[in-house]
C-alpha atoms as a PDB file:
ATOM      1  CA  MET A   1      43.087 -66.337  -6.318  1.00  0.00           C
ATOM      2  CA  ARG A   2      39.867 -64.408  -5.589  1.00  0.00           C
ATOM      3  CA  SER A   3      41.891 -61.507  -4.184  1.00  0.00           C
ATOM      4  CA  VAL A   4      43.932 -61.278  -7.406  1.00  0.00           C
ATOM      5  CA  VAL A   5      40.760 -61.235  -9.539  1.00  0.00           C
ATOM      6  CA  THR A   6      39.152 -58.591  -7.309  1.00  0.00           C
ATOM      7  CA  THR A   7      42.282 -56.430  -7.380  1.00  0.00           C
ATOM      8  CA  THR A   8      42.596 -56.780 -11.166  1.00  0.00           C
ATOM      9  CA  LEU A   9      38.935 -55.860 -11.685  1.00  0.00           C
ATOM     10  CA  ALA A  10      39.306 -52.830  -9.407  1.00  0.00           C
ATOM     11  CA  LEU A  11      42.352 -51.648 -11.359  1.00  0.00           C
ATOM     12  CA  VAL A  12      40.582 -52.083 -14.706  1.00  0.00           C
ATOM     13  CA  LEU A  13      37.538 -50.125 -13.480  1.00  0.00           C
ATOM     14  CA  ALA A  14      39.701 -47.379 -11.970  1.00  0.00           C
ATOM     15  CA  SER A  15      41.677 -47.099 -15.205  1.00  0.00           C
ATOM     16  CA  ALA A  16      38.487 -46.839 -17.282  1.00  0.00           C
ATOM     17  CA  TRP A  17      37.092 -44.151 -14.963  1.00  0.00           C
ATOM     18  CA  LEU A  18      40.326 -42.137 -15.021  1.00  0.00           C
ATOM     19  CA  THR A  19      40.528 -42.363 -18.802  1.00  0.00           C
ATOM     20  CA  SER A  20      36.957 -41.125 -19.240  1.00  0.00           C
ATOM     21  CA  ALA A  21      37.343 -38.422 -16.585  1.00  0.00           C
ATOM     22  CA  ALA A  22      40.590 -37.154 -18.092  1.00  0.00           C
ATOM     23  CA  ALA A  23      39.109 -37.026 -21.597  1.00  0.00           C
ATOM     24  CA  ALA A  24      35.851 -35.282 -20.657  1.00  0.00           C
ATOM     25  CA  PRO A  25      37.060 -31.669 -20.248  1.00  0.00           C
ATOM     26  CA  GLY A  26      38.436 -31.551 -23.795  1.00  0.00           C
ATOM     27  CA  ASP A  27      35.265 -32.855 -25.440  1.00  0.00           C
ATOM     28  CA  GLU A  28      33.898 -29.402 -26.238  1.00  0.00           C
ATOM     29  CA  PRO A  29      34.781 -25.765 -25.607  1.00  0.00           C
ATOM     30  CA  GLY A  30      33.153 -23.966 -22.703  1.00  0.00           C
ATOM     31  CA  ARG A  31      32.410 -24.710 -19.081  1.00  0.00           C
ATOM     32  CA  TYR A  32      29.702 -24.514 -16.428  1.00  0.00           C
ATOM     33  CA  LYS A  33      29.919 -21.397 -14.253  1.00  0.00           C
ATOM     34  CA  LYS A  34      28.150 -20.297 -11.072  1.00  0.00           C
ATOM     35  CA  GLN A  35      25.937 -17.262 -11.517  1.00  0.00           C
ATOM     36  CA  GLY A  36      24.201 -16.554  -8.236  1.00  0.00           C
ATOM     37  CA  ASP A  37      22.255 -19.690  -7.335  1.00  0.00           C
ATOM     38  CA  LYS A  38      22.299 -20.995 -10.918  1.00  0.00           C
ATOM     39  CA  CYS A  39      24.759 -23.184 -12.821  1.00  0.00           C
ATOM     40  CA  VAL A  40      24.956 -21.955 -16.432  1.00  0.00           C
ATOM     41  CA  TRP A  41      26.871 -23.019 -19.559  1.00  0.00           C
ATOM     42  CA  ASP A  42      29.321 -20.491 -21.049  1.00  0.00           C
ATOM     43  CA  ALA A  43      30.574 -21.724 -24.438  1.00  0.00           C
ATOM     44  CA  ASN A  44      33.052 -18.834 -24.639  1.00  0.00           C
ATOM     45  CA  ASP A  45      34.885 -19.590 -21.389  1.00  0.00           C
ATOM     46  CA  ALA A  46      37.615 -22.088 -20.567  1.00  0.00           C
ATOM     47  CA  GLY A  47      38.889 -23.874 -17.494  1.00  0.00           C
ATOM     48  CA  PRO A  48      37.396 -26.360 -15.079  1.00  0.00           C
ATOM     49  CA  ASP A  49      33.661 -26.354 -14.413  1.00  0.00           C
ATOM     50  CA  GLN A  50      32.696 -24.282 -11.365  1.00  0.00           C
ATOM     51  CA  CYS A  51      29.546 -26.344 -10.814  1.00  0.00           C
ATOM     52  CA  ILE A  52      27.579 -29.257 -12.234  1.00  0.00           C
ATOM     53  CA  PRO A  53      23.901 -28.607 -12.951  1.00  0.00           C
ATOM     54  CA  GLY A  54      21.332 -30.900 -11.425  1.00  0.00           C
ATOM     55  CA  ARG A  55      21.441 -33.356  -8.558  1.00  0.00           C
ATOM     56  CA  TYR A  56      19.620 -36.338  -7.104  1.00  0.00           C
ATOM     57  CA  LYS A  57      17.109 -35.335  -4.426  1.00  0.00           C
ATOM     58  CA  LYS A  58      14.953 -37.269  -1.988  1.00  0.00           C
ATOM     59  CA  GLN A  59      11.276 -37.069  -2.801  1.00  0.00           C
ATOM     60  CA  GLY A  60       9.409 -39.122  -0.243  1.00  0.00           C
ATOM     61  CA  ASP A  61      10.842 -42.634  -0.532  1.00  0.00           C
ATOM     62  CA  LYS A  62      12.159 -42.030  -4.073  1.00  0.00           C
ATOM     63  CA  CYS A  63      15.432 -40.667  -5.399  1.00  0.00           C
ATOM     64  CA  VAL A  64      14.757 -38.350  -8.369  1.00  0.00           C
ATOM     65  CA  TRP A  65      16.884 -36.172 -10.672  1.00  0.00           C
ATOM     66  CA  ASP A  66      16.291 -32.396 -10.433  1.00  0.00           C
ATOM     67  CA  ASN A  67      17.922 -30.737 -13.443  1.00  0.00           C
ATOM     68  CA  GLU A  68      17.292 -27.215 -12.096  1.00  0.00           C
ATOM     69  CA  ASP A  69      18.950 -27.680  -8.688  1.00  0.00           C
ATOM     70  CA  MET A  70      22.617 -27.884  -7.743  1.00  0.00           C
ATOM     71  CA  GLY A  71      24.688 -28.977  -4.803  1.00  0.00           C
ATOM     72  CA  PRO A  72      25.566 -32.356  -3.397  1.00  0.00           C
ATOM     73  CA  ASP A  73      23.290 -35.298  -4.152  1.00  0.00           C
ATOM     74  CA  GLN A  74      20.852 -36.111  -1.339  1.00  0.00           C
ATOM     75  CA  CYS A  75      20.585 -39.747  -2.440  1.00  0.00           C
ATOM     76  CA  ARG A  76      21.677 -42.162  -5.142  1.00  0.00           C
ATOM     77  CA  PRO A  77      19.330 -44.402  -7.125  1.00  0.00           C
ATOM     78  CA  ASN A  78      20.079 -48.084  -7.620  1.00  0.00           C
ATOM     79  CA  GLY A  79      22.471 -48.740 -10.491  1.00  0.00           C
ATOM     80  CA  ARG A  80      25.772 -47.385 -11.780  1.00  0.00           C
ATOM     81  CA  TYR A  81      27.361 -45.594 -14.726  1.00  0.00           C
ATOM     82  CA  LYS A  82      28.990 -47.972 -17.228  1.00  0.00           C
ATOM     83  CA  GLN A  83      31.357 -47.357 -20.106  1.00  0.00           C
ATOM     84  CA  GLN A  84      29.842 -48.431 -23.447  1.00  0.00           C
ATOM     85  CA  GLY A  85      32.260 -47.580 -26.232  1.00  0.00           C
ATOM     86  CA  ASP A  86      32.802 -43.829 -26.057  1.00  0.00           C
ATOM     87  CA  LYS A  87      29.629 -43.208 -24.028  1.00  0.00           C
ATOM     88  CA  CYS A  88      28.960 -43.248 -20.306  1.00  0.00           C
ATOM     89  CA  VAL A  89      25.467 -44.689 -19.675  1.00  0.00           C
ATOM     90  CA  TRP A  90      23.332 -45.384 -16.593  1.00  0.00           C
ATOM     91  CA  ASP A  91      22.386 -49.020 -15.948  1.00  0.00           C
ATOM     92  CA  ALA A  92      19.730 -49.194 -13.212  1.00  0.00           C
ATOM     93  CA  ASN A  93      20.011 -53.003 -13.125  1.00  0.00           C
ATOM     94  CA  ASP A  94      23.741 -53.140 -12.330  1.00  0.00           C
ATOM     95  CA  ALA A  95      25.686 -52.599  -9.124  1.00  0.00           C
ATOM     96  CA  GLY A  96      29.213 -51.758  -8.099  1.00  0.00           C
ATOM     97  CA  PRO A  97      31.445 -48.733  -8.543  1.00  0.00           C
ATOM     98  CA  ASP A  98      30.847 -46.380 -11.473  1.00  0.00           C
ATOM     99  CA  GLN A  99      33.064 -47.079 -14.490  1.00  0.00           C
ATOM    100  CA  CYS A 100      32.764 -43.472 -15.690  1.00  0.00           C
ATOM    101  CA  ARG A 101      31.097 -40.153 -14.931  1.00  0.00           C
ATOM    102  CA  PRO A 102      29.024 -38.520 -17.652  1.00  0.00           C
ATOM    103  CA  ARG A 103      29.756 -34.919 -18.520  1.00  0.00           C
ATOM    104  CA  PRO A 104      26.603 -32.797 -18.276  1.00  0.00           C
ATOM    105  CA  GLN A 105      25.406 -31.431 -21.588  1.00  0.00           C
ATOM    106  CA  PRO A 106      25.071 -27.661 -22.044  1.00  0.00           C
ATOM    107  CA  ARG A 107      21.515 -26.393 -21.740  1.00  0.00           C
END
C-alpha cells in the first residue's frame, strides 16, 4: 500500500512540475540572452532562454543567492519550491522534490 501512495504522490508532483514548466515560457514576451559573461533580459526577442540569471553559491558554510552571477548552482539551501495557486514559492521549512520551478523575473 505504501508503494502505491508513494508512486501516486510522485506522479502528482511530476505532473504539477511539468504543468508549471510548460506554462512558464508563454507567461510574457521576451527571453534571457547571453551577452558576454552577463545574462540579460530582451523583451523584444523570442525563443527559449539562453541562460538563467543568478545562482546559489557557497559562502563559507552558507548557501546564498547571487543575482549577478550565472552558471550551475554550487549548493542548494534547505527547502523546496512549492506550487501555491498560480505561483511557485520557496518554502525553507519543507523537504522533498520541487513541485515547480520559478521563472526569473526580468531585471
